[in-house]
Amino acid sequence: MVNLEKLIAELYPDMPQEQRIAYAKIAIDASKTPTISDAKAEQIRQAYKKLRDKGIEAL
């Protein structure tokens, strides 16, 4: 299981901690859990990488 706040910190290392926490709270509220499966986290990482490679900033 991967903590959503840690995943957001990994994807957005330059984002201020307060903003990461706010994003994590939104994600937790939407998913009703503070963690997601390793497989789902890897899907998010890969999708994020594809967007970044295309020059698109993902939220």
N, C-alpha and C. Protein backbone atom coordinates (compact mmCIF):
# COMPACT_ATOMS: atom_id res chain seq x y z
N MET A 1 0.84 -1.18 0.00
CA MET A 1 0.00 0.00 0.00
C MET A 1 0.88 1.25 0.00
N VAL A 2 0.43 2.27 -0.69
CA VAL A 2 1.18 3.51 -0.82
C VAL A 2 0.35 4.65 -0.22
N ASN A 3 0.98 5.43 0.64
CA ASN A 3 0.33 6.59 1.25
C ASN A 3 0.16 7.67 0.19
N LEU A 4 -1.04 8.21 0.07
CA LEU A 4 -1.31 9.21 -0.96
C LEU A 4 -0.47 10.47 -0.80
N GLU A 5 -0.27 10.92 0.43
CA GLU A 5 0.55 12.12 0.63
C GLU A 5 1.99 11.88 0.16
N LYS A 6 2.52 10.69 0.44
CA LYS A 6 3.88 10.37 0.01
C LYS A 6 3.97 10.28 -1.51
N LEU A 7 2.94 9.73 -2.15
CA LEU A 7 2.92 9.65 -3.61
C LEU A 7 2.89 11.05 -4.22
N ILE A 8 2.09 11.94 -3.66
CA ILE A 8 2.03 13.32 -4.15
C ILE A 8 3.38 13.99 -3.97
N ALA A 9 4.03 13.76 -2.83
CA ALA A 9 5.36 14.33 -2.59
C ALA A 9 6.37 13.81 -3.60
N GLU A 10 6.25 12.53 -3.97
CA GLU A 10 7.14 11.94 -4.96
C GLU A 10 6.94 12.57 -6.34
N LEU A 11 5.68 12.78 -6.71
CA LEU A 11 5.38 13.31 -8.03
C LEU A 11 5.62 14.82 -8.13
N TYR A 12 5.49 15.51 -7.01
CA TYR A 12 5.64 16.97 -6.97
C TYR A 12 6.65 17.37 -5.89
N PRO A 13 7.93 17.05 -6.07
CA PRO A 13 8.92 17.31 -5.02
C PRO A 13 9.09 18.80 -4.69
N ASP A 14 8.80 19.69 -5.60
CA ASP A 14 8.98 21.12 -5.36
C ASP A 14 7.74 21.78 -4.76
N MET A 15 6.66 21.04 -4.62
CA MET A 15 5.42 21.60 -4.09
C MET A 15 5.56 21.81 -2.57
N PRO A 16 5.12 22.95 -2.07
CA PRO A 16 5.17 23.17 -0.62
C PRO A 16 4.38 22.09 0.14
N GLN A 17 4.86 21.74 1.31
CA GLN A 17 4.24 20.67 2.09
C GLN A 17 2.76 20.95 2.37
N GLU A 18 2.43 22.20 2.67
CA GLU A 18 1.03 22.52 2.96
C GLU A 18 0.13 22.21 1.78
N GLN A 19 0.62 22.49 0.58
CA GLN A 19 -0.16 22.23 -0.62
C GLN A 19 -0.27 20.72 -0.86
N ARG A 20 0.82 19.98 -0.63
CA ARG A 20 0.77 18.52 -0.78
C ARG A 20 -0.25 17.92 0.17
N ILE A 21 -0.26 18.42 1.41
CA ILE A 21 -1.22 17.91 2.40
C ILE A 21 -2.65 18.20 1.95
N ALA A 22 -2.87 19.40 1.43
CA ALA A 22 -4.21 19.75 0.94
C ALA A 22 -4.63 18.83 -0.21
N TYR A 23 -3.73 18.59 -1.15
CA TYR A 23 -4.04 17.69 -2.27
C TYR A 23 -4.31 16.28 -1.75
N ALA A 24 -3.51 15.83 -0.79
CA ALA A 24 -3.70 14.50 -0.23
C ALA A 24 -5.06 14.39 0.45
N LYS A 25 -5.47 15.43 1.16
CA LYS A 25 -6.77 15.40 1.84
C LYS A 25 -7.90 15.29 0.82
N ILE A 26 -7.77 15.99 -0.29
CA ILE A 26 -8.78 15.90 -1.35
C ILE A 26 -8.82 14.47 -1.90
N ALA A 27 -7.65 13.91 -2.17
CA ALA A 27 -7.58 12.54 -2.70
C ALA A 27 -8.13 11.53 -1.71
N ILE A 28 -7.81 11.71 -0.43
CA ILE A 28 -8.31 10.80 0.60
C ILE A 28 -9.82 10.90 0.71
N ASP A 29 -10.35 12.12 0.69
CA ASP A 29 -11.80 12.29 0.75
C ASP A 29 -12.48 11.61 -0.44
N ALA A 30 -11.86 11.73 -1.61
CA ALA A 30 -12.44 11.14 -2.82
C ALA A 30 -12.37 9.62 -2.79
N SER A 31 -11.28 9.08 -2.26
CA SER A 31 -11.10 7.63 -2.28
C SER A 31 -11.53 6.95 -0.98
N LYS A 32 -11.76 7.75 0.07
CA LYS A 32 -12.19 7.25 1.38
C LYS A 32 -11.13 6.39 2.07
N THR A 33 -9.86 6.51 1.65
CA THR A 33 -8.78 5.77 2.28
C THR A 33 -7.48 6.55 2.09
N PRO A 34 -6.58 6.53 3.09
CA PRO A 34 -5.32 7.27 2.96
C PRO A 34 -4.26 6.55 2.14
N THR A 35 -4.55 5.31 1.72
CA THR A 35 -3.58 4.55 0.94
C THR A 35 -4.23 3.97 -0.30
N ILE A 36 -3.40 3.64 -1.27
CA ILE A 36 -3.86 2.94 -2.47
C ILE A 36 -2.91 1.77 -2.71
N SER A 37 -3.31 0.85 -3.53
CA SER A 37 -2.48 -0.32 -3.80
C SER A 37 -1.21 0.08 -4.53
N ASP A 38 -0.19 -0.76 -4.39
CA ASP A 38 1.07 -0.52 -5.09
C ASP A 38 0.85 -0.48 -6.60
N ALA A 39 0.00 -1.36 -7.10
CA ALA A 39 -0.28 -1.41 -8.54
C ALA A 39 -0.93 -0.11 -9.02
N LYS A 40 -1.90 0.39 -8.25
CA LYS A 40 -2.57 1.64 -8.63
C LYS A 40 -1.59 2.80 -8.58
N ALA A 41 -0.73 2.82 -7.56
CA ALA A 41 0.28 3.88 -7.46
C ALA A 41 1.22 3.84 -8.66
N GLU A 42 1.59 2.65 -9.09
CA GLU A 42 2.47 2.53 -10.25
C GLU A 42 1.77 3.01 -11.52
N GLN A 43 0.48 2.74 -11.66
CA GLN A 43 -0.28 3.25 -12.80
C GLN A 43 -0.27 4.77 -12.81
N ILE A 44 -0.44 5.37 -11.65
CA ILE A 44 -0.43 6.83 -11.54
C ILE A 44 0.94 7.37 -11.91
N ARG A 45 2.00 6.72 -11.41
CA ARG A 45 3.37 7.16 -11.74
C ARG A 45 3.62 7.11 -13.24
N GLN A 46 3.20 6.02 -13.88
CA GLN A 46 3.43 5.86 -15.32
C GLN A 46 2.63 6.89 -16.11
N ALA A 47 1.38 7.12 -15.73
CA ALA A 47 0.56 8.12 -16.42
C ALA A 47 1.17 9.51 -16.25
N TYR A 48 1.62 9.81 -15.04
CA TYR A 48 2.25 11.11 -14.77
C TYR A 48 3.51 11.28 -15.62
N LYS A 49 4.33 10.21 -15.69
CA LYS A 49 5.56 10.26 -16.48
C LYS A 49 5.25 10.51 -17.96
N LYS A 50 4.23 9.85 -18.48
CA LYS A 50 3.85 10.05 -19.88
C LYS A 50 3.45 11.50 -20.14
N LEU A 51 2.68 12.08 -19.22
CA LEU A 51 2.29 13.48 -19.37
C LEU A 51 3.51 14.40 -19.31
N ARG A 52 4.38 14.16 -18.34
CA ARG A 52 5.58 14.99 -18.20
C ARG A 52 6.46 14.89 -19.45
N ASP A 53 6.58 13.67 -20.00
CA ASP A 53 7.37 13.48 -21.21
C ASP A 53 6.80 14.27 -22.38
N LYS A 54 5.49 14.49 -22.38
CA LYS A 54 4.83 15.27 -23.42
C LYS A 54 4.83 16.77 -23.10
N GLY A 55 5.36 17.13 -21.93
CA GLY A 55 5.41 18.53 -21.55
C GLY A 55 4.14 19.04 -20.91
N ILE A 56 3.29 18.13 -20.45
CA ILE A 56 2.03 18.50 -19.82
C ILE A 56 2.18 18.38 -18.32
N GLU A 57 1.85 19.44 -17.59
CA GLU A 57 1.91 19.42 -16.13
C GLU A 57 0.60 18.84 -15.60
N ALA A 58 0.69 17.75 -14.88
CA ALA A 58 -0.50 17.08 -14.34
C ALA A 58 -0.78 17.53 -12.93
N LEU A 59 -2.04 17.51 -12.58
CA LEU A 59 -2.45 17.82 -11.21
C LEU A 59 -2.89 16.56 -10.54
